[in-house]
Protein backbone atom coordinates (compact mmCIF):
# COMPACT_ATOMS: atom_id res chain seq x y z
CA MET A 1 180.40 -83.78 53.84
CA GLY A 2 177.56 -81.76 52.71
CA ASP A 3 174.99 -85.20 51.74
CA ASP A 4 174.43 -85.73 55.41
CA LEU A 5 171.36 -83.13 56.12
CA GLY A 6 170.35 -85.10 59.75
CA GLU A 7 167.11 -85.69 59.07
CA GLU A 8 165.90 -87.34 55.93
CA TRP A 9 164.85 -85.17 53.51
CA TRP A 10 161.80 -86.69 52.29
CA ASN A 11 160.43 -87.30 55.88
CA LYS A 12 160.52 -83.65 56.50
CA ASP A 13 158.60 -82.42 52.79
CA THR A 14 155.78 -84.94 53.68
CA ASN A 15 155.80 -83.75 57.12
CA SER A 16 155.95 -80.09 56.52
CA GLY A 17 153.02 -80.52 53.41
CA VAL A 18 150.56 -82.04 55.72
CA SER A 19 151.37 -79.45 58.60
CA ASP A 20 150.61 -77.13 55.77
CA LEU A 21 147.57 -78.48 54.68
CA GLU A 22 146.53 -79.06 58.42
CA GLU A 23 147.32 -75.57 59.03
CA GLU A 24 144.92 -74.00 56.01
CA GLU A 25 142.44 -76.26 56.47
CA GLU A 26 142.08 -74.80 60.43
CA GLU A 27 142.43 -71.23 59.27
CA GLN A 28 139.13 -72.24 56.29
CA ASP A 29 137.03 -73.36 59.83
CA VAL A 30 137.97 -70.70 61.65
CA GLN A 31 137.18 -68.17 58.91
CA GLU A 32 133.67 -70.02 58.44
CA ALA A 33 132.75 -70.33 61.63
CA ALA A 34 133.45 -66.31 62.06
CA GLU A 35 131.78 -65.66 58.75
CA GLU A 36 128.58 -67.95 60.13
CA PRO A 37 126.84 -65.31 62.70
CA THR A 38 127.34 -62.73 60.22
CA GLN A 39 125.45 -64.56 57.22
CA GLN A 40 122.71 -65.11 59.65
CA LYS A 41 122.82 -61.68 61.32
CA ALA A 42 122.43 -60.65 57.22
CA LYS A 43 119.62 -63.17 56.80
CA LYS A 44 117.92 -62.08 59.92
CA ARG A 45 117.68 -58.81 58.17
CA LYS A 46 116.42 -59.37 55.55
CA ASN A 47 113.53 -61.46 57.22
CA THR A 48 113.07 -58.59 58.97
CA THR A 49 113.11 -56.21 55.75
CA GLN A 50 110.53 -58.30 54.58
CA LYS A 51 108.00 -59.02 57.19
CA LYS A 52 108.24 -55.18 57.57
CA PRO A 53 106.12 -53.58 54.90
CA ASP A 54 103.62 -56.77 55.84
CA LYS A 55 103.23 -55.14 59.18
CA ALA A 56 102.72 -51.38 57.53
CA LYS A 57 100.62 -52.74 55.40
CA LYS A 58 98.56 -53.92 58.02
CA LYS A 59 98.60 -51.22 60.00
CA LYS A 60 97.54 -48.77 57.15
CA THR A 61 94.72 -51.30 56.33
CA ALA A 62 93.86 -51.12 60.09
CA GLN A 63 93.73 -47.41 60.03
CA LYS A 64 91.46 -47.48 56.93
CA GLU A 65 89.10 -50.08 58.68
CA CYS A 66 85.76 -48.17 60.41
CA PHE A 67 82.76 -49.52 61.55
CA ILE A 68 79.65 -48.26 61.56
CA SER A 69 76.88 -49.30 63.83
CA ASN A 70 73.34 -50.29 61.72
CA GLU A 71 71.84 -49.07 65.07
CA ILE A 72 70.40 -45.55 64.62
CA THR A 73 69.07 -43.86 67.17
CA LYS A 74 67.23 -40.71 67.75
CA GLY A 75 68.22 -39.19 64.44
CA GLU A 76 72.06 -39.90 64.70
CA ALA A 77 74.77 -42.06 63.27
CA GLU A 78 77.75 -42.70 64.72
CA ILE A 79 81.15 -43.14 62.36
CA GLY A 80 84.21 -43.95 65.02
CA ASP A 81 83.93 -41.38 67.72
CA LYS A 82 81.91 -38.83 65.84
CA LYS A 83 78.15 -38.13 65.49
CA ILE A 84 76.64 -36.73 62.65
CA LYS A 85 73.05 -35.34 62.98
CA LYS A 86 70.72 -36.64 59.98
CA ARG A 87 68.87 -33.42 58.39
CA ARG A 88 65.01 -33.88 58.59
CA LYS A 89 63.56 -32.76 55.67
CA LYS A 90 61.15 -29.78 55.59
CA LYS A 91 57.39 -30.71 54.93
CA THR A 92 56.30 -29.00 51.60
CA ILE A 93 52.86 -27.98 51.03
CA THR A 94 52.21 -30.80 48.99
CA ASP A 95 53.18 -33.15 51.92
CA VAL A 96 50.92 -31.38 54.02
CA LEU A 97 47.79 -30.77 52.04
CA SER A 98 48.32 -34.77 50.75
CA SER A 99 48.29 -36.03 54.27
CA SER A 100 45.27 -33.86 55.22
CA GLN A 101 41.70 -35.11 53.97
CA PRO A 102 39.74 -33.18 51.64
CA ALA A 103 36.99 -30.62 53.42
CA PRO A 104 34.98 -28.57 51.12
CA GLY A 105 34.88 -25.25 51.41
CA SER A 106 32.57 -22.41 52.78
CA PRO A 107 31.58 -18.64 53.37
CA ASP A 108 33.90 -18.87 56.57
CA ASP A 109 36.71 -20.04 54.65
CA LEU A 110 36.50 -16.93 52.41
CA ARG A 111 35.54 -14.65 54.77
CA SER A 112 38.48 -15.05 56.96
CA LEU A 113 40.79 -15.18 54.33
CA LEU A 114 39.27 -11.61 53.06
CA LEU A 115 39.80 -10.73 56.49
CA SER A 116 43.51 -11.71 57.08
CA HIS A 117 44.10 -10.42 53.93
CA PHE A 118 42.38 -6.46 54.80
CA LEU A 119 43.98 -6.22 58.43
CA ALA A 120 47.26 -5.16 57.68
CA THR A 121 46.22 -2.39 55.65
CA ARG A 122 42.69 -1.19 56.16
CA SER A 123 41.03 0.14 59.23
CA VAL A 124 38.67 -1.42 61.55
CA ILE A 125 35.82 0.30 60.22
CA GLU A 126 36.88 -0.61 56.19
CA GLN A 127 37.19 -4.11 57.33
CA GLU A 128 33.50 -4.06 58.01
CA GLU A 129 32.65 -2.04 55.47
CA LEU A 130 34.36 -5.25 53.61
CA GLY A 131 32.47 -7.92 55.09
CA LEU A 132 30.57 -10.76 53.07
CA PRO A 133 27.01 -11.01 54.39
CA GLU A 134 25.75 -14.61 54.59
CA THR A 135 22.76 -13.83 52.09
CA CYS A 136 25.27 -13.15 49.42
CA PHE A 137 26.10 -16.57 49.46
CA LEU A 138 24.86 -19.69 47.34
CA LYS A 139 25.08 -23.43 48.54
CA SER A 140 28.56 -24.81 48.38
CA ASN A 141 29.89 -27.53 47.05
CA ASP A 142 29.73 -30.98 48.69
CA LEU A 143 32.14 -32.55 46.95
CA THR A 144 30.27 -34.85 45.08
CA HIS A 145 29.03 -32.84 42.05
CA SER A 146 30.81 -31.94 38.73
CA LEU A 147 30.73 -27.95 37.24
CA SER A 148 26.88 -28.99 35.67
CA SER A 149 25.29 -30.83 38.10
CA TYR A 150 26.13 -27.96 40.94
CA LEU A 151 25.61 -25.11 38.43
CA LYS A 152 21.87 -26.62 37.90
CA GLU A 153 21.14 -27.16 41.64
CA VAL A 154 22.53 -23.41 42.42
CA CYS A 155 21.20 -21.71 39.16
CA PRO A 156 17.32 -23.06 38.55
CA LYS A 157 16.29 -20.54 36.54
CA TRP A 158 19.19 -20.67 33.99
CA ALA A 159 17.41 -20.35 30.84
CA LYS A 160 15.63 -17.26 31.65
CA VAL A 161 18.37 -15.54 33.29
CA GLN A 162 20.26 -16.52 30.16
CA LYS A 163 17.51 -14.61 27.53
CA GLN A 164 17.29 -11.54 29.85
CA HIS A 165 21.18 -10.84 29.64
CA THR A 166 21.73 -8.23 26.93
CA GLN A 167 24.61 -6.43 27.58
CA THR A 168 27.96 -6.36 26.26
CA GLY A 169 31.15 -5.98 28.07
CA SER A 170 30.09 -8.24 30.86
CA VAL A 171 28.71 -11.86 31.74
CA VAL A 172 25.99 -12.99 33.61
CA LEU A 173 27.94 -16.24 34.76
CA LEU A 174 31.69 -15.64 35.79
CA VAL A 175 33.86 -19.18 36.86
CA VAL A 176 37.65 -18.47 38.42
CA CYS A 177 40.26 -20.95 38.42
CA GLY A 178 44.01 -21.46 39.06
CA SER A 179 45.21 -22.12 35.67
CA ALA A 180 44.15 -22.14 31.59
CA LEU A 181 44.04 -25.91 31.63
CA ARG A 182 41.63 -26.08 34.25
CA THR A 183 39.63 -23.23 32.19
CA ILE A 184 39.56 -25.86 29.44
CA GLU A 185 38.20 -28.61 31.85
CA LEU A 186 35.43 -26.57 33.30
CA ILE A 187 34.47 -25.21 29.62
CA LYS A 188 34.32 -29.28 28.85
CA GLN A 189 31.89 -29.65 32.04
CA LEU A 190 29.30 -27.14 30.99
CA THR A 191 27.93 -28.57 28.29
CA THR A 192 25.11 -30.12 29.80
CA PHE A 193 24.35 -26.68 31.95
CA LYS A 194 24.93 -23.91 29.50
CA GLY A 195 22.32 -24.65 26.81
CA GLU A 196 22.22 -21.83 24.11
CA ALA A 197 24.88 -20.20 26.10
CA LYS A 198 27.63 -18.24 24.83
CA VAL A 199 31.23 -18.84 26.51
CA ILE A 200 34.48 -16.95 26.54
CA LYS A 201 37.91 -18.20 28.14
CA LEU A 202 39.32 -15.59 30.25
CA PHE A 203 43.07 -16.79 30.98
CA ALA A 204 46.20 -14.95 29.55
CA LYS A 205 47.97 -18.12 27.64
CA HIS A 206 47.78 -17.40 23.86
CA ILE A 207 45.12 -15.04 23.71
CA LYS A 208 46.14 -10.90 23.86
CA VAL A 209 43.97 -9.09 26.03
CA GLU A 210 42.88 -6.74 23.16
CA ASP A 211 41.47 -9.89 21.57
CA GLN A 212 39.22 -10.10 24.94
CA MET A 213 38.10 -6.88 24.94
CA LYS A 214 37.21 -6.47 21.37
CA LEU A 215 34.92 -10.01 22.28
CA LEU A 216 33.37 -8.70 24.94
CA SER A 217 32.68 -5.18 23.67
CA LYS A 218 30.75 -6.79 20.13
CA GLY A 219 28.25 -8.90 21.42
CA VAL A 220 26.77 -10.93 24.24
CA LEU A 221 28.39 -12.96 25.98
CA HIS A 222 26.90 -15.26 28.87
CA ILE A 223 29.53 -17.41 30.61
CA GLY A 224 33.19 -16.18 31.12
CA VAL A 225 35.75 -19.07 32.76
CA GLY A 226 39.31 -17.77 33.48
CA THR A 227 42.25 -17.19 35.75
CA PRO A 228 41.63 -14.27 38.23
CA GLY A 229 44.74 -12.58 37.23
CA ARG A 230 43.31 -12.11 33.83
CA VAL A 231 39.60 -11.42 35.39
CA ALA A 232 41.71 -8.36 37.68
CA THR A 233 42.94 -6.85 34.40
CA LEU A 234 40.01 -6.81 32.50
CA LEU A 235 38.44 -5.07 35.22
CA GLU A 236 41.54 -2.69 36.01
CA LYS A 237 41.34 -1.95 32.05
CA ASP A 238 37.81 -1.55 31.87
CA GLY A 239 37.54 -4.26 29.20
CA MET A 240 34.68 -6.53 31.40
CA ASN A 241 32.34 -4.50 34.08
CA VAL A 242 30.15 -6.35 36.55
CA GLN A 243 27.34 -4.80 35.79
CA GLY A 244 25.38 -7.61 34.42
CA LEU A 245 27.40 -10.54 36.30
CA ARG A 246 24.75 -12.48 39.21
CA TYR A 247 26.78 -15.65 39.78
CA LEU A 248 30.97 -15.86 40.56
CA ILE A 249 32.06 -19.58 41.02
CA LEU A 250 35.01 -19.83 42.52
CA ASP A 251 36.71 -23.42 42.13
CA TRP A 252 37.82 -23.66 45.49
CA ASN A 253 37.82 -27.39 46.38
CA TYR A 254 39.57 -28.64 43.29
CA ARG A 255 43.63 -29.98 43.91
CA ASP A 256 46.09 -29.87 41.21
CA GLN A 257 48.72 -32.65 40.35
CA LYS A 258 51.14 -31.09 43.77
CA GLN A 259 47.33 -30.84 46.36
CA ARG A 260 47.23 -27.24 45.73
CA ARG A 261 44.00 -25.83 45.84
CA MET A 262 43.91 -22.48 44.10
CA MET A 263 43.53 -21.22 47.62
CA ASP A 264 46.78 -22.27 48.06
CA ILE A 265 48.91 -20.72 45.54
CA PRO A 266 49.97 -16.95 46.70
CA GLU A 267 49.91 -15.68 43.59
CA VAL A 268 46.73 -16.96 42.13
CA LYS A 269 45.17 -15.90 45.91
CA ALA A 270 46.50 -12.43 45.44
CA ALA A 271 44.78 -12.14 42.26
CA VAL A 272 41.52 -13.52 43.51
CA LEU A 273 41.43 -10.67 46.47
CA LYS A 274 42.72 -7.97 43.93
CA MET A 275 39.53 -9.13 41.36
CA MET A 276 37.34 -9.46 44.81
CA GLU A 277 38.08 -5.65 45.68
CA SER A 278 37.18 -4.21 42.41
CA GLU A 279 33.06 -3.33 42.73
CA ILE A 280 32.74 -7.65 42.89
CA ILE A 281 32.44 -7.24 46.90
CA LYS A 282 30.14 -4.17 46.93
CA LYS A 283 28.01 -5.92 44.19
CA CYS A 284 27.54 -8.78 46.68
CA GLN A 285 26.80 -6.23 49.60
CA GLU A 286 24.07 -4.71 47.17
CA GLY A 287 22.56 -8.10 46.10
CA ALA A 288 23.19 -8.28 43.07
CA VAL A 289 26.03 -10.82 42.81
CA LYS A 290 25.79 -14.10 44.43
CA ILE A 291 29.23 -16.09 45.31
CA GLY A 292 29.41 -19.85 45.01
CA LEU A 293 32.23 -21.93 46.03
CA PHE A 294 32.69 -24.99 43.67
């Protein structure tokens, strides 16, 4: 009959189910075993990708780092493989003069200054004619005097000379300095020396040349204190003459805030030489004018 299948049906079903489950488990194990190396490789890749930027950062930081040696020899500083020479600062007139010891001016200083000035523009004969003899110089300041004490020493008969002066357009005593502020300072120092003498300011700041020419022409003035530029301008325009001049005092040794003397400033030096050329050198050679270096 058809009911006889040869084997018991329940045994067949159970065995086939178990076998199917076992086959499925084996397939899963095979798949997991196959997936494990791929997962491990993926993890390794992630780790390597995470570590790579750190290495790159380290490389960047390593490139930025530079070591500068603190030891600097012979004016050079080493930065990496390059050598950068330090620039030496040029010495200014202020640096040179501040480091030098002050020395009082002498007649030889003025003579050598005039000689160097006329050397390029005058012949040898003209240079000799423009020379200043020793007799035209007063005693120089030894850096211990004020202006009043110095003038008392070199002009002992000032009261008599002052009374004898009656000319207009000229002064008996002319003091030449480097600036208007220095002019005011020197006028204040004259209080114990001048007596009844009248003083005129001869500088360009806030005072017109025409006004100074009027003052010189109207009355008798004894002392003039000012800058060489304005004095040279007045002499050039005939606003002032040297007919009554007896003493020319140059503010030679004074130093300003930059440690410069009057003759260390090019424009002032040029103005002094121009002023000296306008009949003053001739008057000194004749013995009418005496020069003092204060």
